[in-house]
N, C-alpha and C. Protein backbone atom coordinates (compact mmCIF):
# COMPACT_ATOMS: atom_id res chain seq x y z
N UNK A 1 -5.62 46.47 36.85
CA UNK A 1 -4.28 45.94 36.80
C UNK A 1 -4.29 44.50 37.29
N UNK A 2 -3.68 43.64 36.51
CA UNK A 2 -3.65 42.23 36.87
C UNK A 2 -2.48 41.95 37.82
N UNK A 3 -2.52 40.75 38.39
CA UNK A 3 -1.43 40.33 39.29
C UNK A 3 -0.11 40.24 38.49
N UNK A 4 -0.19 39.75 37.25
CA UNK A 4 1.00 39.64 36.41
C UNK A 4 1.60 41.03 36.14
N UNK A 5 0.76 42.02 35.82
CA UNK A 5 1.23 43.37 35.58
C UNK A 5 1.89 43.95 36.84
N UNK A 6 1.26 43.74 37.98
CA UNK A 6 1.81 44.21 39.24
C UNK A 6 3.15 43.54 39.54
N UNK A 7 3.24 42.27 39.26
CA UNK A 7 4.49 41.53 39.44
C UNK A 7 5.60 42.11 38.56
N UNK A 8 5.28 42.36 37.30
CA UNK A 8 6.30 42.88 36.36
C UNK A 8 6.70 44.31 36.75
N UNK A 9 5.80 45.10 37.26
CA UNK A 9 6.15 46.45 37.72
C UNK A 9 7.12 46.33 38.92
N UNK A 10 6.84 45.37 39.80
CA UNK A 10 7.75 45.16 40.93
C UNK A 10 9.11 44.68 40.46
N UNK A 11 9.15 43.83 39.48
CA UNK A 11 10.43 43.35 38.92
C UNK A 11 11.18 44.53 38.31
N UNK A 12 10.49 45.38 37.54
CA UNK A 12 11.13 46.57 36.94
C UNK A 12 11.68 47.50 38.00
N UNK A 13 10.90 47.71 39.03
CA UNK A 13 11.31 48.61 40.14
C UNK A 13 12.54 48.04 40.83
N UNK A 14 12.53 46.73 41.09
CA UNK A 14 13.66 46.08 41.74
C UNK A 14 14.92 46.18 40.89
N UNK A 15 14.75 45.97 39.59
CA UNK A 15 15.85 46.08 38.63
C UNK A 15 16.44 47.50 38.65
N UNK A 16 15.53 48.49 38.62
CA UNK A 16 15.99 49.87 38.63
C UNK A 16 16.72 50.25 39.92
N UNK A 17 16.20 49.78 41.06
CA UNK A 17 16.83 50.08 42.34
C UNK A 17 18.22 49.45 42.41
N UNK A 18 18.36 48.21 41.97
CA UNK A 18 19.67 47.55 41.99
C UNK A 18 20.66 48.28 41.07
N UNK A 19 20.20 48.67 39.89
CA UNK A 19 21.07 49.39 38.96
C UNK A 19 21.47 50.75 39.52
N UNK A 20 20.54 51.46 40.12
CA UNK A 20 20.81 52.75 40.68
C UNK A 20 21.77 52.64 41.88
N UNK A 21 21.58 51.61 42.69
CA UNK A 21 22.46 51.39 43.83
C UNK A 21 23.90 51.15 43.35
N UNK A 22 24.05 50.32 42.33
CA UNK A 22 25.41 50.03 41.82
C UNK A 22 26.03 51.30 41.22
N UNK A 23 25.28 51.98 40.38
CA UNK A 23 25.81 53.19 39.73
C UNK A 23 26.12 54.27 40.76
N UNK A 24 25.20 54.53 41.66
CA UNK A 24 25.42 55.54 42.71
C UNK A 24 26.57 55.14 43.62
N UNK A 25 26.63 53.88 43.96
CA UNK A 25 27.75 53.39 44.79
C UNK A 25 29.07 53.55 44.09
N UNK A 26 29.09 53.34 42.79
CA UNK A 26 30.32 53.51 42.00
C UNK A 26 30.75 54.97 42.00
N UNK A 27 29.80 55.86 41.86
CA UNK A 27 30.13 57.31 41.90
C UNK A 27 30.72 57.67 43.28
N UNK A 28 30.08 57.18 44.32
CA UNK A 28 30.61 57.43 45.67
C UNK A 28 32.00 56.82 45.85
N UNK A 29 32.15 55.59 45.37
CA UNK A 29 33.44 54.91 45.51
C UNK A 29 34.55 55.66 44.81
N UNK A 30 34.29 56.11 43.56
CA UNK A 30 35.34 56.78 42.78
C UNK A 30 35.69 58.16 43.37
N UNK A 31 34.68 58.93 43.70
CA UNK A 31 34.94 60.35 44.06
C UNK A 31 35.13 60.58 45.57
N UNK A 32 34.68 59.65 46.43
CA UNK A 32 34.80 59.88 47.86
C UNK A 32 35.69 58.81 48.51
N UNK A 33 35.33 57.57 48.33
CA UNK A 33 36.01 56.47 49.04
C UNK A 33 37.43 56.25 48.50
N UNK A 34 37.59 56.13 47.19
CA UNK A 34 38.88 55.78 46.60
C UNK A 34 39.99 56.78 46.97
N UNK A 35 39.73 58.10 46.90
CA UNK A 35 40.78 59.03 47.34
C UNK A 35 41.20 58.85 48.79
N UNK A 36 40.23 58.56 49.64
CA UNK A 36 40.56 58.32 51.05
C UNK A 36 41.28 56.99 51.22
N UNK A 37 40.89 55.99 50.44
CA UNK A 37 41.54 54.70 50.51
C UNK A 37 43.03 54.82 50.16
N UNK A 38 43.32 55.62 49.13
CA UNK A 38 44.71 55.80 48.71
C UNK A 38 45.51 56.47 49.84
N UNK A 39 44.91 57.42 50.52
CA UNK A 39 45.61 58.12 51.59
C UNK A 39 45.98 57.19 52.75
N UNK A 40 45.06 56.27 53.05
CA UNK A 40 45.23 55.41 54.24
C UNK A 40 45.69 53.99 53.93
N UNK A 41 45.99 53.73 52.66
CA UNK A 41 46.38 52.37 52.26
C UNK A 41 47.63 51.91 52.97
N UNK A 42 48.59 52.77 53.06
CA UNK A 42 49.85 52.39 53.70
C UNK A 42 49.69 52.09 55.19
N UNK A 43 48.74 52.74 55.85
CA UNK A 43 48.54 52.54 57.27
C UNK A 43 47.76 51.26 57.56
N UNK A 44 47.12 50.70 56.54
CA UNK A 44 46.35 49.46 56.74
C UNK A 44 45.13 49.67 57.60
N UNK A 45 44.50 50.83 57.48
CA UNK A 45 43.32 51.17 58.25
C UNK A 45 42.25 50.09 58.10
N UNK A 46 41.87 49.41 59.20
CA UNK A 46 40.88 48.34 59.10
C UNK A 46 39.48 48.82 58.74
N UNK A 47 39.16 50.07 59.07
CA UNK A 47 37.83 50.59 58.73
C UNK A 47 37.66 50.66 57.20
N UNK A 48 38.67 51.15 56.50
CA UNK A 48 38.57 51.22 55.04
C UNK A 48 38.50 49.86 54.42
N UNK A 49 39.20 48.90 54.96
CA UNK A 49 39.13 47.53 54.46
C UNK A 49 37.74 46.97 54.65
N UNK A 50 37.15 47.20 55.82
CA UNK A 50 35.80 46.74 56.09
C UNK A 50 34.76 47.40 55.18
N UNK A 51 34.95 48.70 54.93
CA UNK A 51 34.03 49.41 54.05
C UNK A 51 34.13 48.88 52.63
N UNK A 52 35.35 48.61 52.17
CA UNK A 52 35.53 48.07 50.82
C UNK A 52 34.86 46.72 50.69
N UNK A 53 35.00 45.88 51.71
CA UNK A 53 34.37 44.56 51.71
C UNK A 53 32.82 44.67 51.70
N UNK A 54 32.29 45.64 52.45
CA UNK A 54 30.85 45.86 52.48
C UNK A 54 30.37 46.35 51.12
N UNK A 55 31.14 47.22 50.48
CA UNK A 55 30.78 47.70 49.14
C UNK A 55 30.75 46.53 48.14
N UNK A 56 31.75 45.62 48.23
CA UNK A 56 31.75 44.47 47.35
C UNK A 56 30.52 43.61 47.59
N UNK A 57 30.13 43.47 48.86
CA UNK A 57 28.93 42.69 49.18
C UNK A 57 27.66 43.28 48.59
N UNK A 58 27.56 44.58 48.68
CA UNK A 58 26.37 45.25 48.11
C UNK A 58 26.35 45.09 46.58
N UNK A 59 27.49 45.28 45.96
CA UNK A 59 27.56 45.12 44.48
C UNK A 59 27.25 43.68 44.10
N UNK A 60 27.71 42.71 44.88
CA UNK A 60 27.40 41.33 44.63
C UNK A 60 25.90 41.06 44.66
N UNK A 61 25.24 41.65 45.66
CA UNK A 61 23.78 41.53 45.77
C UNK A 61 23.09 42.20 44.59
N UNK A 62 23.59 43.36 44.18
CA UNK A 62 23.01 44.06 43.04
C UNK A 62 23.14 43.20 41.76
N UNK A 63 24.26 42.55 41.60
CA UNK A 63 24.49 41.73 40.40
C UNK A 63 23.46 40.58 40.37
N UNK A 64 23.28 39.92 41.50
CA UNK A 64 22.31 38.81 41.56
C UNK A 64 20.91 39.32 41.21
N UNK A 65 20.53 40.43 41.82
CA UNK A 65 19.20 41.02 41.54
C UNK A 65 19.07 41.42 40.09
N UNK A 66 20.12 42.05 39.53
CA UNK A 66 20.07 42.49 38.13
C UNK A 66 19.95 41.29 37.17
N UNK A 67 20.65 40.23 37.44
CA UNK A 67 20.56 39.03 36.57
C UNK A 67 19.19 38.42 36.65
N UNK A 68 18.68 38.25 37.90
CA UNK A 68 17.38 37.61 38.07
C UNK A 68 16.26 38.48 37.46
N UNK A 69 16.24 39.73 37.82
CA UNK A 69 15.18 40.60 37.33
C UNK A 69 15.33 40.87 35.84
N UNK A 70 16.57 41.01 35.38
CA UNK A 70 16.81 41.22 33.96
C UNK A 70 16.36 40.05 33.11
N UNK A 71 16.54 38.84 33.61
CA UNK A 71 16.09 37.67 32.89
C UNK A 71 14.55 37.67 32.76
N UNK A 72 13.89 37.99 33.86
CA UNK A 72 12.40 38.05 33.79
C UNK A 72 11.93 39.14 32.84
N UNK A 73 12.57 40.29 32.90
CA UNK A 73 12.21 41.40 32.01
C UNK A 73 12.50 41.06 30.56
N UNK A 74 13.62 40.37 30.33
CA UNK A 74 13.97 39.95 28.98
C UNK A 74 12.88 39.11 28.36
N UNK A 75 12.46 38.09 29.05
CA UNK A 75 11.43 37.19 28.50
C UNK A 75 10.07 37.87 28.38
N UNK A 76 9.80 38.80 29.30
CA UNK A 76 8.54 39.54 29.20
C UNK A 76 8.50 40.40 27.96
N UNK A 77 9.61 41.07 27.67
CA UNK A 77 9.64 42.00 26.52
C UNK A 77 9.78 41.28 25.18
N UNK A 78 10.64 40.27 25.12
CA UNK A 78 10.83 39.64 23.80
C UNK A 78 9.64 38.79 23.37
N UNK A 79 8.77 38.43 24.30
CA UNK A 79 7.57 37.68 23.95
C UNK A 79 6.42 38.58 23.58
N UNK A 80 6.58 39.87 23.79
CA UNK A 80 5.51 40.83 23.42
C UNK A 80 5.51 41.04 21.90
N UNK A 81 4.35 40.98 21.27
CA UNK A 81 4.30 41.12 19.82
C UNK A 81 4.75 42.48 19.31
N UNK A 82 4.79 43.51 20.15
CA UNK A 82 5.21 44.83 19.71
C UNK A 82 6.72 45.03 19.71
N UNK A 83 7.45 44.02 20.14
CA UNK A 83 8.92 44.11 20.18
C UNK A 83 9.48 44.07 18.76
N UNK A 84 10.29 45.08 18.45
CA UNK A 84 10.84 45.21 17.10
C UNK A 84 12.28 44.67 17.05
N UNK A 85 12.79 44.42 15.84
CA UNK A 85 14.18 44.02 15.72
C UNK A 85 15.16 45.08 16.27
N UNK A 86 14.81 46.34 16.14
CA UNK A 86 15.65 47.42 16.71
C UNK A 86 15.71 47.28 18.24
N UNK A 87 14.58 47.01 18.85
CA UNK A 87 14.53 46.80 20.30
C UNK A 87 15.47 45.65 20.69
N UNK A 88 15.38 44.55 19.96
CA UNK A 88 16.22 43.39 20.26
C UNK A 88 17.72 43.74 20.11
N UNK A 89 18.10 44.52 19.09
CA UNK A 89 19.50 44.90 18.87
C UNK A 89 20.00 45.77 20.03
N UNK A 90 19.18 46.73 20.45
CA UNK A 90 19.59 47.59 21.57
C UNK A 90 19.66 46.79 22.86
N UNK A 91 18.71 45.89 23.02
CA UNK A 91 18.71 45.02 24.22
C UNK A 91 19.95 44.14 24.26
N UNK A 92 20.33 43.59 23.10
CA UNK A 92 21.55 42.74 23.05
C UNK A 92 22.78 43.56 23.40
N UNK A 93 22.84 44.80 22.96
CA UNK A 93 23.95 45.71 23.32
C UNK A 93 23.96 45.95 24.82
N UNK A 94 22.82 46.21 25.39
CA UNK A 94 22.71 46.44 26.84
C UNK A 94 23.16 45.19 27.61
N UNK A 95 22.74 44.03 27.20
CA UNK A 95 23.12 42.80 27.87
C UNK A 95 24.66 42.60 27.74
N UNK A 96 25.20 42.88 26.58
CA UNK A 96 26.64 42.75 26.40
C UNK A 96 27.44 43.67 27.32
N UNK A 97 26.98 44.93 27.44
CA UNK A 97 27.67 45.88 28.32
C UNK A 97 27.51 45.48 29.77
N UNK A 98 26.34 44.97 30.16
CA UNK A 98 26.11 44.53 31.53
C UNK A 98 27.02 43.32 31.86
N UNK A 99 27.16 42.43 30.90
CA UNK A 99 28.02 41.26 31.09
C UNK A 99 29.46 41.73 31.31
N UNK A 100 29.87 42.71 30.54
CA UNK A 100 31.21 43.30 30.69
C UNK A 100 31.37 43.86 32.11
N UNK A 101 30.35 44.59 32.59
CA UNK A 101 30.40 45.14 33.96
C UNK A 101 30.53 44.01 34.98
N UNK A 102 29.72 42.96 34.85
CA UNK A 102 29.80 41.83 35.78
C UNK A 102 31.17 41.20 35.78
N UNK A 103 31.76 41.10 34.59
CA UNK A 103 33.11 40.51 34.47
C UNK A 103 34.15 41.37 35.18
N UNK A 104 34.05 42.65 35.01
CA UNK A 104 34.97 43.60 35.67
C UNK A 104 34.83 43.46 37.20
N UNK A 105 33.60 43.42 37.69
CA UNK A 105 33.36 43.31 39.12
C UNK A 105 33.92 42.01 39.68
N UNK A 106 33.68 40.94 38.95
CA UNK A 106 34.18 39.61 39.40
C UNK A 106 35.71 39.58 39.44
N UNK A 107 36.31 40.14 38.42
CA UNK A 107 37.78 40.17 38.34
C UNK A 107 38.34 41.01 39.49
N UNK A 108 37.67 42.12 39.80
CA UNK A 108 38.16 42.99 40.90
C UNK A 108 38.03 42.24 42.24
N UNK A 109 36.94 41.49 42.43
CA UNK A 109 36.77 40.75 43.69
C UNK A 109 37.91 39.73 43.82
N UNK A 110 38.19 38.99 42.75
CA UNK A 110 39.26 37.97 42.81
C UNK A 110 40.59 38.65 43.14
N UNK A 111 40.91 39.75 42.47
CA UNK A 111 42.20 40.40 42.74
C UNK A 111 42.26 40.99 44.13
N UNK A 112 41.14 41.49 44.62
CA UNK A 112 41.11 42.07 45.98
C UNK A 112 41.29 40.97 47.04
N UNK A 113 40.71 39.85 46.78
CA UNK A 113 40.84 38.75 47.74
C UNK A 113 42.21 38.07 47.65
N UNK A 114 42.81 38.08 46.48
CA UNK A 114 44.11 37.43 46.34
C UNK A 114 45.24 38.19 47.00
N UNK A 115 45.19 39.53 46.86
CA UNK A 115 46.33 40.29 47.41
C UNK A 115 46.01 41.78 47.49
N UNK A 116 46.31 42.36 48.62
CA UNK A 116 46.21 43.83 48.74
C UNK A 116 47.42 44.48 48.12
N UNK A 117 48.45 43.73 47.85
CA UNK A 117 49.68 44.30 47.24
C UNK A 117 49.41 44.83 45.88
N UNK A 118 48.44 44.23 45.16
CA UNK A 118 48.13 44.75 43.83
C UNK A 118 47.62 46.19 43.92
N UNK A 119 46.80 46.50 44.92
CA UNK A 119 46.32 47.85 45.10
C UNK A 119 47.46 48.80 45.40
N UNK A 120 48.41 48.37 46.21
CA UNK A 120 49.57 49.22 46.51
C UNK A 120 50.37 49.49 45.25
N UNK A 121 50.51 48.47 44.41
CA UNK A 121 51.22 48.65 43.17
C UNK A 121 50.51 49.62 42.24
N UNK A 122 49.18 49.60 42.26
CA UNK A 122 48.44 50.56 41.42
C UNK A 122 48.68 51.97 41.88
N UNK A 123 48.78 52.18 43.17
CA UNK A 123 49.02 53.51 43.69
C UNK A 123 50.42 53.99 43.30
N UNK A 124 51.41 53.11 43.37
CA UNK A 124 52.77 53.46 43.10
C UNK A 124 53.19 53.22 41.67
N UNK A 125 52.34 52.59 40.87
CA UNK A 125 52.69 52.16 39.52
C UNK A 125 52.96 53.29 38.56
N UNK A 126 53.44 52.88 37.39
CA UNK A 126 53.73 53.88 36.35
C UNK A 126 52.42 54.31 35.64
N UNK A 127 52.57 55.19 34.71
CA UNK A 127 51.44 55.75 33.99
C UNK A 127 50.64 54.68 33.26
N UNK A 128 51.33 53.76 32.63
CA UNK A 128 50.65 52.71 31.85
C UNK A 128 49.80 51.82 32.81
N UNK A 129 50.36 51.50 33.95
CA UNK A 129 49.62 50.70 34.96
C UNK A 129 48.37 51.47 35.42
N UNK A 130 48.52 52.73 35.64
CA UNK A 130 47.36 53.54 36.10
C UNK A 130 46.32 53.67 35.00
N UNK A 131 46.75 53.88 33.77
CA UNK A 131 45.80 53.95 32.64
C UNK A 131 45.06 52.64 32.45
N UNK A 132 45.80 51.54 32.58
CA UNK A 132 45.16 50.22 32.46
C UNK A 132 44.12 50.04 33.57
N UNK A 133 44.48 50.39 34.79
CA UNK A 133 43.55 50.30 35.90
C UNK A 133 42.30 51.15 35.70
N UNK A 134 42.48 52.35 35.13
CA UNK A 134 41.33 53.21 34.88
C UNK A 134 40.42 52.65 33.78
N UNK A 135 40.99 51.93 32.83
CA UNK A 135 40.20 51.43 31.74
C UNK A 135 39.57 50.08 32.00
N UNK A 136 39.99 49.40 33.06
CA UNK A 136 39.44 48.08 33.33
C UNK A 136 38.79 47.97 34.69
N UNK A 137 38.81 48.98 35.47
CA UNK A 137 38.33 48.90 36.83
C UNK A 137 37.02 49.63 37.06
N UNK A 138 36.92 50.23 38.21
CA UNK A 138 35.69 50.85 38.66
C UNK A 138 35.32 52.03 37.76
N UNK A 139 36.31 52.74 37.20
CA UNK A 139 36.00 53.86 36.33
C UNK A 139 35.24 53.38 35.08
N UNK A 140 35.73 52.28 34.49
CA UNK A 140 35.07 51.74 33.33
C UNK A 140 33.66 51.21 33.70
N UNK A 141 33.55 50.66 34.89
CA UNK A 141 32.25 50.18 35.35
C UNK A 141 31.26 51.33 35.39
N UNK A 142 31.71 52.48 35.90
CA UNK A 142 30.84 53.64 35.97
C UNK A 142 30.42 54.10 34.56
N UNK A 143 31.38 54.15 33.64
CA UNK A 143 31.04 54.57 32.28
C UNK A 143 30.07 53.59 31.64
N UNK A 144 30.31 52.30 31.81
CA UNK A 144 29.38 51.30 31.26
C UNK A 144 28.00 51.41 31.89
N UNK A 145 27.95 51.66 33.21
CA UNK A 145 26.68 51.82 33.87
C UNK A 145 25.87 53.00 33.34
N UNK A 146 26.56 54.10 33.08
CA UNK A 146 25.89 55.26 32.51
C UNK A 146 25.36 54.96 31.12
N UNK A 147 26.16 54.26 30.32
CA UNK A 147 25.71 53.85 28.97
C UNK A 147 24.49 52.92 29.05
N UNK A 148 24.52 52.02 30.01
CA UNK A 148 23.40 51.08 30.17
C UNK A 148 22.14 51.83 30.58
N UNK A 149 22.25 52.79 31.45
CA UNK A 149 21.09 53.59 31.80
C UNK A 149 20.53 54.32 30.57
N UNK A 150 21.41 54.83 29.73
CA UNK A 150 20.99 55.51 28.50
C UNK A 150 20.27 54.50 27.60
N UNK A 151 20.85 53.32 27.43
CA UNK A 151 20.21 52.28 26.61
C UNK A 151 18.86 51.87 27.17
N UNK A 152 18.73 51.87 28.48
CA UNK A 152 17.42 51.53 29.10
C UNK A 152 16.36 52.55 28.71
N UNK A 153 16.72 53.82 28.66
CA UNK A 153 15.77 54.84 28.25
C UNK A 153 15.42 54.65 26.78
N UNK A 154 16.39 54.32 25.94
CA UNK A 154 16.12 54.05 24.54
C UNK A 154 15.17 52.86 24.42
N UNK A 155 15.44 51.80 25.17
CA UNK A 155 14.57 50.63 25.16
C UNK A 155 13.14 50.97 25.54
N UNK A 156 13.01 51.76 26.56
CA UNK A 156 11.67 52.17 27.01
C UNK A 156 10.96 52.94 25.90
N UNK A 157 11.66 53.88 25.26
CA UNK A 157 11.05 54.63 24.17
C UNK A 157 10.67 53.73 22.99
N UNK A 158 11.58 52.79 22.65
CA UNK A 158 11.27 51.85 21.55
C UNK A 158 10.08 50.97 21.89
N UNK A 159 9.97 50.54 23.12
CA UNK A 159 8.86 49.68 23.54
C UNK A 159 7.55 50.45 23.46
N UNK A 160 7.55 51.68 23.95
CA UNK A 160 6.33 52.51 23.90
C UNK A 160 5.95 52.79 22.44
N UNK A 161 6.96 53.06 21.62
CA UNK A 161 6.69 53.29 20.20
C UNK A 161 6.11 52.04 19.55
N UNK A 162 6.60 50.87 19.91
CA UNK A 162 6.06 49.60 19.38
C UNK A 162 4.64 49.40 19.81
N UNK A 163 4.34 49.76 21.05
CA UNK A 163 2.96 49.62 21.54
C UNK A 163 1.99 50.55 20.79
N UNK A 164 2.45 51.75 20.53
CA UNK A 164 1.57 52.73 19.86
C UNK A 164 1.36 52.37 18.39
N UNK A 165 2.27 51.59 17.80
CA UNK A 165 2.14 51.19 16.42
C UNK A 165 1.29 49.93 16.25
N UNK A 166 0.90 49.32 17.34
CA UNK A 166 0.09 48.09 17.32
C UNK A 166 -1.19 48.28 16.59
């Protein structure tokens, strides 16, 4: 094993850990933290606010790692002669979905920093407001993350298939 191969394995591992952290954190946030946050929102519990800020910080770190490692992996794979047009198409879809996730996260950070009143309105809002929140917020991020994991497995299979056809 060469130094370059070991480096790329480390990059892949780092990419996978960051993606898993974000996806797992999102699952925890939706099913454990968010229900508790809604219960204590009116009381202004400082612990929940601090936990939410820490979660945002971890997701921010994951995004930086995913962009950096993803860029390295992108150039490593697209320069390989066994990369097929199908691989490129699936990869472009994965990058598009990841960009959508990053956009959602960035928008949530801005709205969280601008006003906590928006969160209160989401709790008290009408059905349309709640549906909009579910389709543009953390729930959509989780769905996109699951799709991206699936596309990653497809990419791995396509890459291995391309190598075997060499």
